[in-house]
Structures are given as C-alpha cells and as structure tokens.
Amino acid sequence: MTKQYSEDSVFKSKSQKGYRAKKALLDAGIELIADKGIDGFTVGELCKKANLNRTSFYSYFESIEQYVGELATRENAAFDEDFEQQTGIAYEVMTPGLSRLVLVLTQYFKRIEKDTVWNRFVVKTFSQYAPIAQVMFNDMMTDVNQAINDGDLQIAPEQADSYCQLILASFSVGHQHKAPYGEVNCAQLVDMLLDAGKVKCKQNVLKIYSK
C-alpha cells in the first residue's frame, strides 16, 4: 500500500508545526502497538519514539486512551481505503452474507501472512482494541446471520454468536506466526472456519481466498 492514512485526517492542528508534532505522535504509536500491543507502552516511550518531550503529548491528547482511540480511528479508515483498493468495492456497499464475510477474512488473513509493521498494528488493534473489535464482531454477525438465512451456512441461528467468536479467536491464533507448533497456514485456517460453519459448496467459496 502506498499510504496508511488520508492527509485529510481525523485531526486538525492550528499550525503546520503542530500538525507535524501530532502526526509524529500518531505515527510512532503504529510501531509501538505493532511490537507491544495496545496496552504495552507508556506516554514516555511514545514521546521518545516521536522525538518529542512528554509535555507535547498532552498538548494534543487528554489521555493514552484518547490517543489510542484517535489512532485507531485514523488507521481503521486507512484499512477501509486499502480494502476498497484491493477488492475494487467499498465494504459498506457490499451485500451482507457469506461472500462478504469470506472476502473480509481473506483481506484480514493477508495482513497476517505479510508481516509488516502496519499489518501487525492492524491485527493487534482489531483484536485488542474493544471498540474496533466490537464493530468487527457486529459486522460479522450481520454476515453470518444473513448467510444462515441464505442457506450458505448450515448452522443453527443460535450458533451465530459462537461462530463469530471462533472467527475472532482464529485471528489471535493466526498472528502468532512463530508458534511452538510451527508456522500458521492462514489458508488452512479459513478452510477450517468454513468447515466449522458447515458451508455449502465450500470449494466455490474458497475461490475468493485464492484471488
């Protein structure tokens, strides 16, 4: 990807200097979260990474929680933009159901397979930051329930919640590339998730993943 966020971002500063300082703080958080997770760093570490003094942080953010929320919002927009570039269609205009669910899984697991700083950041943010994780879970529930209604997922409606929880758990497994049991094969994870959902015509669905 050529750009991780829009210059017309969720933040505005009164001066170009302020813009650069705030951008430096937000950019520094990507690497820290990629390496240490959402709760794994301090304001001091963040400012040191951004080459700014500690007081600079509080010029733009009231707390580390607000900071993480703004960074997650900025980079979630970047993920949506990249998703549209990769798939040729915006997520919000796609028809809910199994195809949309598998396409999202495909894009997410591709982040896992290609081990870059930003991809690690995306994985950890989506799995560890509750507001983003909740939105993702709700979207998956919409797709899963529609897929059940369409007959594409042959599980009972009351199993939809558990199935979505299983998908989220697979993300946590997937990003641990160097697990004690060996390298994770993300294509196999997708295949296993489809089996768990008793997907009808699985081979046709798997063609989405291979694109």
Protein backbone atom coordinates (compact mmCIF):
# COMPACT_ATOMS: atom_id res chain seq x y z
CA MET A 1 0.00 0.00 0.00
CA THR A 2 1.23 3.47 -0.81
CA LYS A 3 -0.37 5.39 2.03
CA GLN A 4 -1.52 4.42 5.51
CA TYR A 5 -3.93 7.27 6.12
CA SER A 6 -5.56 10.25 4.45
CA GLU A 7 -3.91 13.64 4.81
CA ASP A 8 -7.46 14.94 5.34
CA SER A 9 -7.33 13.08 8.62
CA VAL A 10 -9.46 12.91 11.74
CA PHE A 11 -7.26 15.55 13.35
CA LYS A 12 -6.55 19.19 12.57
CA SER A 13 -3.89 21.42 14.15
CA LYS A 14 -3.66 25.19 14.31
CA SER A 15 -0.19 25.28 12.80
CA GLN A 16 1.96 23.22 10.46
CA LYS A 17 4.36 22.64 13.34
CA GLY A 18 1.51 21.35 15.48
CA TYR A 19 0.33 19.16 12.63
CA ARG A 20 3.79 17.61 12.27
CA ALA A 21 4.10 17.03 16.03
CA LYS A 22 0.72 15.34 16.34
CA LYS A 23 1.33 13.28 13.22
CA ALA A 24 4.70 12.18 14.65
CA LEU A 25 2.98 11.00 17.83
CA LEU A 26 0.32 9.09 15.92
CA ASP A 27 2.85 7.54 13.56
CA ALA A 28 5.06 6.47 16.48
CA GLY A 29 2.16 4.56 18.00
CA ILE A 30 1.90 2.26 14.98
CA GLU A 31 5.29 0.70 15.63
CA LEU A 32 4.81 0.55 19.41
CA ILE A 33 1.43 -1.17 19.14
CA ALA A 34 2.75 -3.50 16.43
CA ASP A 35 5.56 -4.60 18.77
CA LYS A 36 3.97 -4.31 22.23
CA GLY A 37 0.20 -4.26 21.82
CA ILE A 38 -2.44 -1.71 22.75
CA ASP A 39 -1.56 -1.61 26.47
CA GLY A 40 2.15 -2.33 26.16
CA PHE A 41 3.68 1.15 26.09
CA THR A 42 3.78 4.39 28.08
CA VAL A 43 3.44 8.05 27.17
CA GLY A 44 7.17 8.42 27.80
CA GLU A 45 8.02 5.64 25.35
CA LEU A 46 5.70 7.16 22.78
CA CYS A 47 7.24 10.62 23.06
CA LYS A 48 10.75 9.18 22.88
CA LYS A 49 9.82 7.30 19.70
CA ALA A 50 8.38 10.51 18.22
CA ASN A 51 11.44 12.59 19.31
CA LEU A 52 9.22 14.91 21.34
CA ASN A 53 9.13 15.84 25.02
CA ARG A 54 6.44 14.43 27.28
CA THR A 55 4.52 17.72 27.52
CA SER A 56 3.93 17.61 23.76
CA PHE A 57 1.65 14.61 24.19
CA TYR A 58 -0.71 16.49 26.50
CA SER A 59 -0.91 19.38 24.05
CA TYR A 60 -2.93 17.11 21.75
CA PHE A 61 -4.37 14.29 23.89
CA GLU A 62 -6.01 14.16 27.30
CA SER A 63 -5.02 10.56 27.95
CA ILE A 64 -3.44 7.50 26.40
CA GLU A 65 -6.95 6.10 25.95
CA GLN A 66 -7.98 9.09 23.84
CA TYR A 67 -4.74 8.80 21.90
CA VAL A 68 -5.32 5.12 21.08
CA GLY A 69 -8.90 5.88 20.04
CA GLU A 70 -7.81 8.59 17.61
CA LEU A 71 -5.01 6.48 16.18
CA ALA A 72 -7.36 3.52 15.75
CA THR A 73 -9.91 5.74 14.00
CA ARG A 74 -7.28 7.09 11.63
CA GLU A 75 -5.85 3.71 10.73
CA ASN A 76 -9.24 1.98 10.55
CA ALA A 77 -10.10 4.49 7.83
CA ALA A 78 -6.84 3.53 6.13
CA PHE A 79 -7.77 -0.15 6.32
CA ASP A 80 -11.14 0.60 4.70
CA GLU A 81 -9.41 2.58 1.96
CA ASP A 82 -6.94 -0.22 1.32
CA PHE A 83 -9.76 -2.81 1.37
CA GLU A 84 -11.52 -0.90 -1.41
CA GLN A 85 -8.29 -0.67 -3.42
CA GLN A 86 -7.65 -4.40 -3.06
CA THR A 87 -11.20 -5.58 -3.78
CA GLY A 88 -12.45 -2.88 -6.15
CA ILE A 89 -15.52 -2.23 -3.99
CA ALA A 90 -16.27 -0.36 -0.78
CA TYR A 91 -17.22 -2.56 2.16
CA GLU A 92 -20.32 -0.55 3.04
CA VAL A 93 -21.94 -1.11 -0.38
CA MET A 94 -21.34 -4.87 -0.44
CA THR A 95 -24.29 -7.20 0.06
CA PRO A 96 -24.18 -8.83 3.52
CA GLY A 97 -23.68 -12.57 3.55
CA LEU A 98 -21.13 -15.32 3.16
CA SER A 99 -19.23 -13.78 0.23
CA ARG A 100 -18.66 -10.53 2.09
CA LEU A 101 -17.63 -12.41 5.22
CA VAL A 102 -15.09 -14.57 3.38
CA LEU A 103 -13.71 -11.57 1.49
CA VAL A 104 -13.13 -9.73 4.78
CA LEU A 105 -11.47 -12.82 6.26
CA THR A 106 -9.30 -13.06 3.18
CA GLN A 107 -8.13 -9.45 3.46
CA TYR A 108 -7.53 -9.82 7.18
CA PHE A 109 -5.52 -13.02 6.89
CA LYS A 110 -3.45 -11.47 4.12
CA ARG A 111 -2.39 -8.88 6.71
CA ILE A 112 -1.27 -11.76 8.90
CA GLU A 113 0.62 -13.52 6.11
CA LYS A 114 2.55 -10.41 5.08
CA ASP A 115 4.48 -9.48 8.22
CA THR A 116 4.92 -5.70 8.10
CA VAL A 117 4.80 -3.19 10.95
CA TRP A 118 1.48 -1.77 9.77
CA ASN A 119 -0.06 -5.20 9.27
CA ARG A 120 0.95 -6.23 12.79
CA PHE A 121 -0.56 -2.99 14.05
CA VAL A 122 -3.83 -3.73 12.24
CA VAL A 123 -4.05 -7.25 13.65
CA LYS A 124 -3.36 -6.15 17.22
CA THR A 125 -5.72 -3.17 17.01
CA PHE A 126 -8.58 -5.23 15.60
CA SER A 127 -8.09 -7.96 18.20
CA GLN A 128 -7.16 -5.89 21.29
CA TYR A 129 -8.96 -2.54 20.99
CA ALA A 130 -12.51 -3.16 22.20
CA PRO A 131 -14.42 -0.50 20.17
CA ILE A 132 -12.92 -1.68 16.87
CA ALA A 133 -13.28 -5.35 17.81
CA GLN A 134 -16.95 -4.79 18.68
CA VAL A 135 -17.68 -3.14 15.34
CA MET A 136 -15.94 -6.00 13.57
CA PHE A 137 -17.90 -8.57 15.60
CA ASN A 138 -21.22 -6.83 14.84
CA ASP A 139 -20.44 -6.77 11.12
CA MET A 140 -19.55 -10.46 11.19
CA MET A 141 -22.81 -11.25 12.98
CA THR A 142 -24.70 -9.46 10.22
CA ASP A 143 -22.94 -11.53 7.56
CA VAL A 144 -23.25 -14.81 9.46
CA ASN A 145 -26.96 -14.36 10.17
CA GLN A 146 -27.60 -13.47 6.53
CA ALA A 147 -25.57 -16.48 5.38
CA ILE A 148 -27.66 -18.72 7.65
CA ASN A 149 -30.86 -17.25 6.21
CA ASP A 150 -29.50 -17.77 2.68
CA GLY A 151 -28.66 -21.40 3.46
CA ASP A 152 -24.95 -20.84 2.80
CA LEU A 153 -24.02 -21.56 6.43
CA GLN A 154 -25.73 -24.67 7.67
CA ILE A 155 -25.59 -23.96 11.38
CA ALA A 156 -28.44 -23.09 13.73
CA PRO A 157 -29.19 -19.35 14.21
CA GLU A 158 -28.40 -19.65 17.92
CA GLN A 159 -24.87 -20.74 16.98
CA ALA A 160 -24.10 -17.48 15.14
CA ASP A 161 -22.59 -15.77 18.18
CA SER A 162 -20.29 -18.72 18.95
CA TYR A 163 -19.24 -18.95 15.32
CA CYS A 164 -18.23 -15.28 15.26
CA GLN A 165 -16.31 -15.76 18.50
CA LEU A 166 -14.47 -18.64 16.83
CA ILE A 167 -13.52 -16.39 13.92
CA LEU A 168 -12.14 -13.74 16.28
CA ALA A 169 -10.18 -16.43 18.12
CA SER A 170 -8.67 -17.54 14.81
CA PHE A 171 -7.27 -14.04 14.32
CA SER A 172 -5.40 -14.31 17.61
CA VAL A 173 -4.00 -17.69 16.56
CA GLY A 174 -3.17 -16.51 13.07
CA HIS A 175 -0.95 -13.58 14.00
CA GLN A 176 1.35 -15.81 16.07
CA HIS A 177 3.45 -16.86 13.07
CA LYS A 178 6.22 -18.49 15.07
CA ALA A 179 4.00 -20.54 17.35
CA PRO A 180 5.53 -23.54 19.15
CA TYR A 181 3.61 -25.89 16.87
CA GLY A 182 5.05 -24.36 13.71
CA GLU A 183 4.15 -21.84 11.04
CA VAL A 184 0.45 -20.98 10.81
CA ASN A 185 -1.12 -21.60 7.40
CA CYS A 186 -3.82 -18.97 7.07
CA ALA A 187 -5.45 -20.69 4.09
CA GLN A 188 -5.94 -23.74 6.30
CA LEU A 189 -7.48 -21.54 8.99
CA VAL A 190 -10.02 -20.19 6.50
CA ASP A 191 -10.75 -23.76 5.37
CA MET A 192 -11.28 -24.85 8.99
CA LEU A 193 -13.59 -21.90 9.66
CA LEU A 194 -15.70 -22.81 6.66
CA ASP A 195 -15.89 -26.41 7.87
CA ALA A 196 -16.94 -25.21 11.32
CA GLY A 197 -19.75 -23.21 9.71
CA LYS A 198 -20.84 -26.20 7.60
CA VAL A 199 -20.51 -24.07 4.50
CA LYS A 200 -22.41 -25.19 1.44
CA CYS A 201 -20.31 -25.50 -1.76
CA LYS A 202 -17.06 -24.80 0.07
CA GLN A 203 -14.83 -25.11 -2.99
CA ASN A 204 -16.67 -22.25 -4.72
CA VAL A 205 -16.26 -20.10 -1.64
CA LEU A 206 -12.56 -20.86 -1.35
CA LYS A 207 -12.00 -19.37 -4.80
CA ILE A 208 -12.49 -15.99 -3.14
CA TYR A 209 -9.50 -16.66 -0.91
CA SER A 210 -7.23 -17.66 -3.80
CA LYS A 211 -7.75 -14.39 -5.69
